[in-house]
Amino acid sequence: MRKALRRYADQSSVLGDLDAKFNVFLPSSSANSKVPVLIYLGGLTCTEDNAAQKGGFMRDAAAEGIAIIFPDTSPRGAGIQGEDDHWDFGTGAGWYVDATHPQWVKHYQMFTHVAQELPQVIEAAGLPVKSLTYFGSHMILEYDTSNIRISLGKMYIALARRSHLSVRLPLRLGAVKAFSGYLSGGVEEGRDKYDATLLIGRVRTPVDILIDYVSFLLLGTADEFKHQLNPGLFIDAARKAGFDETQVRVRGQDGYDHSYYFVATFAPEHVKCKRRLPP
């Protein structure tokens, strides 16, 4: 099997029988054996194509023998009033949570879709990937970290059954909007289920987390989400939970903006971070 990017669509029962599209990259080594798989979750307004086309992952994934799955960022075509009114809520902005609000609960079950249904679909399709999956992201996986790129490693394994995908810092306005809209319990429900500054303290197994974020903006660069970032709070929470600099690595990177140029620059290291994890 030659390395290739393939397009798929599946009728998702979790998303209320809507079609869910995703792209799959398979390295050539998958012709001989099953390979580890990285599920990359795109940011607001993205589709399954953005990271596949711009993220710069596939060269290093091919070299490391890792498959990558690129899901969509939300259900499409649910026909819910208001779902196309805002760029950061509704279509293209599912936020990877399971909605509990009656207006959204039928279709917007993105956590269950990416954490449970999608791996099952991949396995049923007979694709040569291992059942254990790791998650990485541009923006939404970290929820409110905006410019942080994260490699979650074992943290996903430890927390997946607790409705948790990622590392997220103090809630920015978009996350407050998402929690308030998708969840019947609003922000408090969201924090309890999805805020890793709280969840990291509940982990009792080793973690391997790599975070890159924009720490300083050179003249001529701009990140409209910079004022909403505060990685120090997650670092403090991780250290209080007993995780040292080898288990939770957070690196500030100077001179980038909120774009896939940043993602592509550090993508190779995050792919290699996955490779260190156990099979």
Protein backbone atom coordinates (compact mmCIF):
# COMPACT_ATOMS: atom_id res chain seq x y z
CA MET A 1 0.00 0.00 0.00
CA ARG A 2 1.40 3.38 -0.97
CA LYS A 3 1.05 6.28 1.42
CA ALA A 4 -2.12 8.17 0.56
CA LEU A 5 -4.79 10.54 1.82
CA ARG A 6 -8.28 9.12 1.43
CA ARG A 7 -11.71 10.70 1.82
CA TYR A 8 -14.55 8.99 3.64
CA ALA A 9 -18.14 9.70 4.64
CA ASP A 10 -20.28 7.75 7.07
CA GLN A 11 -23.87 8.15 8.22
CA SER A 12 -23.43 8.94 11.88
CA SER A 13 -26.03 7.63 14.30
CA VAL A 14 -24.38 9.67 17.05
CA LEU A 15 -24.89 12.87 15.03
CA GLY A 16 -28.53 12.14 14.37
CA ASP A 17 -27.97 10.18 11.12
CA LEU A 18 -26.19 13.06 9.41
CA ASP A 19 -23.26 12.31 7.12
CA ALA A 20 -19.91 12.71 8.85
CA LYS A 21 -16.92 13.27 6.58
CA PHE A 22 -13.31 12.59 7.48
CA ASN A 23 -9.95 12.17 5.77
CA VAL A 24 -7.49 9.39 6.53
CA PHE A 25 -3.77 9.39 5.84
CA LEU A 26 -2.12 5.95 5.78
CA PRO A 27 1.65 5.51 5.69
CA SER A 28 3.14 2.88 3.39
CA SER A 29 4.08 0.77 6.42
CA SER A 30 0.36 0.08 6.95
CA ALA A 31 0.58 -2.40 4.08
CA ASN A 32 2.48 -4.78 6.37
CA SER A 33 0.97 -4.20 9.81
CA LYS A 34 -1.40 -2.05 11.78
CA VAL A 35 -0.03 1.37 12.65
CA PRO A 36 -0.69 3.87 15.45
CA VAL A 37 -3.23 6.55 14.64
CA LEU A 38 -3.39 10.23 15.49
CA ILE A 39 -6.79 11.92 15.39
CA TYR A 40 -6.33 15.60 14.62
CA LEU A 41 -9.18 17.91 15.59
CA GLY A 42 -9.45 21.12 13.60
CA GLY A 43 -10.33 24.57 14.88
CA LEU A 44 -13.31 26.85 14.47
CA THR A 45 -14.70 27.16 10.91
CA CYS A 46 -12.53 24.27 9.68
CA THR A 47 -13.65 21.18 7.82
CA GLU A 48 -11.96 17.80 7.49
CA ASP A 49 -9.76 19.28 4.75
CA ASN A 50 -7.99 22.22 6.42
CA ALA A 51 -5.41 20.43 8.54
CA ALA A 52 -4.93 17.73 5.90
CA GLN A 53 -4.02 20.39 3.35
CA LYS A 54 -2.18 22.92 5.53
CA GLY A 55 -1.00 21.21 8.70
CA GLY A 56 2.24 19.71 7.43
CA PHE A 57 1.79 16.41 9.25
CA MET A 58 1.94 13.78 6.56
CA ARG A 59 5.63 13.77 5.66
CA ASP A 60 6.64 13.07 9.24
CA ALA A 61 3.72 10.73 9.84
CA ALA A 62 4.87 8.70 6.84
CA ALA A 63 8.43 8.58 8.17
CA GLU A 64 7.26 7.57 11.66
CA GLY A 65 4.68 5.06 10.42
CA ILE A 66 1.66 6.83 11.89
CA ALA A 67 -1.82 7.16 10.39
CA ILE A 68 -3.74 10.41 10.79
CA ILE A 69 -7.50 10.88 10.84
CA PHE A 70 -8.91 14.35 10.14
CA PRO A 71 -12.60 14.58 11.20
CA ASP A 72 -14.96 17.47 10.54
CA THR A 73 -15.44 20.04 13.30
CA SER A 74 -19.23 19.80 13.63
CA PRO A 75 -22.34 18.16 12.23
CA ARG A 76 -23.47 19.59 8.89
CA GLY A 77 -27.02 20.25 7.75
CA ALA A 78 -28.88 19.63 10.99
CA GLY A 79 -31.33 22.38 10.12
CA ILE A 80 -31.37 23.83 13.63
CA GLN A 81 -32.46 27.43 13.85
CA GLY A 82 -29.42 29.64 14.40
CA GLU A 83 -26.74 27.05 13.64
CA ASP A 84 -25.34 29.11 10.76
CA ASP A 85 -25.57 32.52 12.43
CA HIS A 86 -22.16 32.62 14.12
CA TRP A 87 -18.66 31.53 13.11
CA ASP A 88 -17.85 30.24 16.60
CA PHE A 89 -21.05 28.33 17.35
CA GLY A 90 -23.05 25.83 15.32
CA THR A 91 -21.87 24.73 11.89
CA GLY A 92 -18.08 24.47 11.87
CA ALA A 93 -17.91 24.94 15.63
CA GLY A 94 -19.10 21.85 17.46
CA TRP A 95 -16.45 22.35 20.15
CA TYR A 96 -16.12 18.57 20.64
CA VAL A 97 -18.65 18.45 23.45
CA ASP A 98 -21.77 16.35 23.84
CA ALA A 99 -24.71 18.77 23.84
CA THR A 100 -27.25 18.39 26.61
CA HIS A 101 -29.45 21.37 25.71
CA PRO A 102 -32.66 20.11 24.05
CA GLN A 103 -32.17 22.30 20.95
CA TRP A 104 -28.78 20.74 20.14
CA VAL A 105 -28.78 17.34 21.82
CA LYS A 106 -29.94 15.28 18.81
CA HIS A 107 -27.11 16.22 16.46
CA TYR A 108 -24.31 17.95 18.36
CA GLN A 109 -22.64 14.97 20.06
CA MET A 110 -19.12 15.67 18.87
CA PHE A 111 -17.25 14.27 21.84
CA THR A 112 -18.87 10.87 21.47
CA HIS A 113 -18.45 11.05 17.71
CA VAL A 114 -14.68 11.59 17.73
CA ALA A 115 -13.84 9.64 20.90
CA GLN A 116 -16.03 6.57 20.38
CA GLU A 117 -17.94 6.40 17.11
CA LEU A 118 -15.15 7.40 14.74
CA PRO A 119 -12.65 4.81 16.02
CA GLN A 120 -15.39 2.18 15.71
CA VAL A 121 -16.10 3.25 12.13
CA ILE A 122 -12.41 3.03 11.28
CA GLU A 123 -12.16 -0.44 12.79
CA ALA A 124 -15.30 -1.64 11.01
CA ALA A 125 -13.93 -0.36 7.70
CA GLY A 126 -10.93 -2.65 8.11
CA LEU A 127 -8.35 0.12 7.93
CA PRO A 128 -4.95 -1.07 9.18
CA VAL A 129 -4.72 1.05 12.32
CA LYS A 130 -4.43 0.12 15.96
CA SER A 131 -7.45 0.59 18.19
CA LEU A 132 -5.61 2.93 20.57
CA THR A 133 -5.89 6.52 19.39
CA TYR A 134 -4.11 9.72 20.33
CA PHE A 135 -5.41 13.24 19.87
CA GLY A 136 -3.81 16.47 18.72
CA SER A 137 -5.21 19.80 17.68
CA HIS A 138 -4.88 23.26 16.23
CA MET A 139 -7.35 25.03 18.44
CA ILE A 140 -10.56 23.42 19.51
CA LEU A 141 -9.10 20.35 21.14
CA GLU A 142 -7.60 22.58 23.74
CA TYR A 143 -10.90 24.30 23.91
CA ASP A 144 -9.86 27.73 24.91
CA THR A 145 -6.14 27.68 24.34
CA SER A 146 -6.37 29.16 20.85
CA ASN A 147 -2.70 29.09 19.78
CA ILE A 148 -1.67 26.01 21.73
CA ARG A 149 -0.82 22.86 19.81
CA ILE A 150 -0.95 19.84 22.06
CA SER A 151 0.11 16.23 22.05
CA LEU A 152 -1.97 14.44 24.63
CA GLY A 153 -0.55 10.96 24.69
CA LYS A 154 -1.55 8.94 27.71
CA MET A 155 -3.70 11.72 29.10
CA TYR A 156 -6.39 10.86 26.57
CA ILE A 157 -6.25 7.21 27.59
CA ALA A 158 -6.64 8.13 31.23
CA LEU A 159 -9.49 10.56 30.75
CA ALA A 160 -11.41 9.42 27.68
CA ARG A 161 -14.01 7.65 29.78
CA ARG A 162 -14.53 10.83 31.76
CA SER A 163 -15.76 12.83 28.74
CA HIS A 164 -12.43 14.55 28.29
CA LEU A 165 -10.36 15.07 25.18
CA SER A 166 -7.84 17.69 25.84
CA VAL A 167 -5.98 20.32 27.72
CA ARG A 168 -7.79 23.61 28.01
CA LEU A 169 -6.92 26.81 29.73
CA PRO A 170 -9.20 29.37 31.43
CA LEU A 171 -12.39 29.81 29.45
CA ARG A 172 -12.27 32.35 26.67
CA LEU A 173 -15.43 34.00 25.44
CA GLY A 174 -16.03 31.43 22.71
CA ALA A 175 -15.96 28.56 25.20
CA VAL A 176 -18.35 30.36 27.52
CA LYS A 177 -20.64 30.83 24.52
CA ALA A 178 -20.33 27.16 23.57
CA PHE A 179 -20.96 25.87 27.08
CA SER A 180 -23.89 28.20 27.58
CA GLY A 181 -25.42 27.20 24.25
CA TYR A 182 -24.75 23.47 24.00
CA LEU A 183 -25.03 22.47 27.65
CA SER A 184 -28.13 22.66 29.81
CA GLY A 185 -25.90 23.21 32.82
CA GLY A 186 -23.95 25.99 31.10
CA VAL A 187 -20.44 26.91 32.14
CA GLU A 188 -20.46 24.88 35.35
CA GLU A 189 -21.36 21.70 33.48
CA GLY A 190 -18.68 22.47 30.91
CA ARG A 191 -15.96 23.03 33.45
CA ASP A 192 -16.72 19.83 35.29
CA LYS A 193 -16.67 17.72 32.13
CA TYR A 194 -14.17 19.44 29.86
CA ASP A 195 -11.82 21.79 31.73
CA ALA A 196 -8.45 20.10 32.01
CA THR A 197 -7.16 22.56 34.59
CA LEU A 198 -9.57 20.64 36.83
CA LEU A 199 -9.30 17.21 35.23
CA ILE A 200 -5.51 17.03 35.31
CA GLY A 201 -5.80 16.85 39.08
CA ARG A 202 -7.91 13.69 38.81
CA VAL A 203 -5.39 11.74 36.71
CA ARG A 204 -3.66 8.88 38.50
CA THR A 205 -1.65 7.50 35.58
CA PRO A 206 1.43 8.87 33.74
CA VAL A 207 0.88 11.51 31.07
CA ASP A 208 2.93 12.73 28.13
CA ILE A 209 1.77 16.18 27.05
CA LEU A 210 3.44 18.61 24.67
CA ILE A 211 2.03 22.13 24.25
CA ASP A 212 3.29 24.87 21.94
CA TYR A 213 1.79 28.33 22.12
CA VAL A 214 2.57 31.82 20.83
CA SER A 215 4.39 33.58 23.64
CA PHE A 216 5.47 36.81 21.98
CA LEU A 217 4.34 38.50 18.81
CA LEU A 218 6.90 40.25 16.63
CA LEU A 219 6.07 43.48 14.86
CA GLY A 220 3.73 42.72 12.01
CA THR A 221 2.26 39.54 13.48
CA ALA A 222 -1.01 39.34 15.29
CA ASP A 223 -3.12 36.77 17.07
CA GLU A 224 -6.62 37.95 17.78
CA PHE A 225 -6.93 35.34 20.55
CA LYS A 226 -3.76 36.22 22.43
CA HIS A 227 -5.56 38.10 25.20
CA GLN A 228 -7.60 35.00 25.97
CA LEU A 229 -4.62 32.74 26.68
CA ASN A 230 -3.12 31.90 30.03
CA PRO A 231 -1.05 28.70 29.84
CA GLY A 232 0.41 29.36 33.27
CA LEU A 233 -2.77 28.21 34.97
CA PHE A 234 -2.62 24.80 33.32
CA ILE A 235 1.08 24.47 34.12
CA ASP A 236 0.34 25.29 37.76
CA ALA A 237 -2.47 22.74 37.85
CA ALA A 238 -0.26 20.07 36.29
CA ARG A 239 2.59 20.72 38.70
CA LYS A 240 0.23 20.65 41.69
CA ALA A 241 -1.04 17.30 40.39
CA GLY A 242 2.55 15.99 40.52
CA PHE A 243 3.46 16.06 36.81
CA ASP A 244 6.96 17.39 36.15
CA GLU A 245 8.60 19.01 33.10
CA THR A 246 9.18 15.66 31.40
CA GLN A 247 5.50 14.70 31.63
CA VAL A 248 3.93 18.06 30.82
CA ARG A 249 6.02 20.22 28.50
CA VAL A 250 4.78 23.70 27.67
CA ARG A 251 6.80 25.80 25.24
CA GLY A 252 6.26 29.43 24.31
CA GLN A 253 7.16 30.16 20.68
CA ASP A 254 7.97 33.68 19.56
CA GLY A 255 6.83 35.51 16.47
CA TYR A 256 3.91 33.45 15.14
CA ASP A 257 0.27 34.22 14.55
CA HIS A 258 -2.89 32.14 14.78
CA SER A 259 -2.49 30.21 11.55
CA TYR A 260 -1.48 26.90 10.05
CA TYR A 261 2.02 28.27 9.47
CA PHE A 262 2.45 27.90 13.20
CA VAL A 263 0.92 24.44 13.18
CA ALA A 264 3.09 23.25 10.30
CA THR A 265 6.28 24.56 11.93
CA PHE A 266 5.91 22.38 15.01
CA ALA A 267 3.89 19.51 13.56
CA PRO A 268 6.94 17.22 13.16
CA GLU A 269 7.71 17.30 16.88
CA HIS A 270 4.13 16.52 17.80
CA VAL A 271 4.04 13.58 15.41
CA LYS A 272 7.25 12.29 17.00
CA CYS A 273 5.72 12.77 20.43
CA LYS A 274 3.05 10.27 19.41
CA ARG A 275 5.72 7.82 18.30
CA ARG A 276 7.21 7.67 21.80
CA LEU A 277 3.97 6.37 23.23
CA PRO A 278 3.38 2.66 23.85
CA PRO A 279 1.82 0.56 21.03
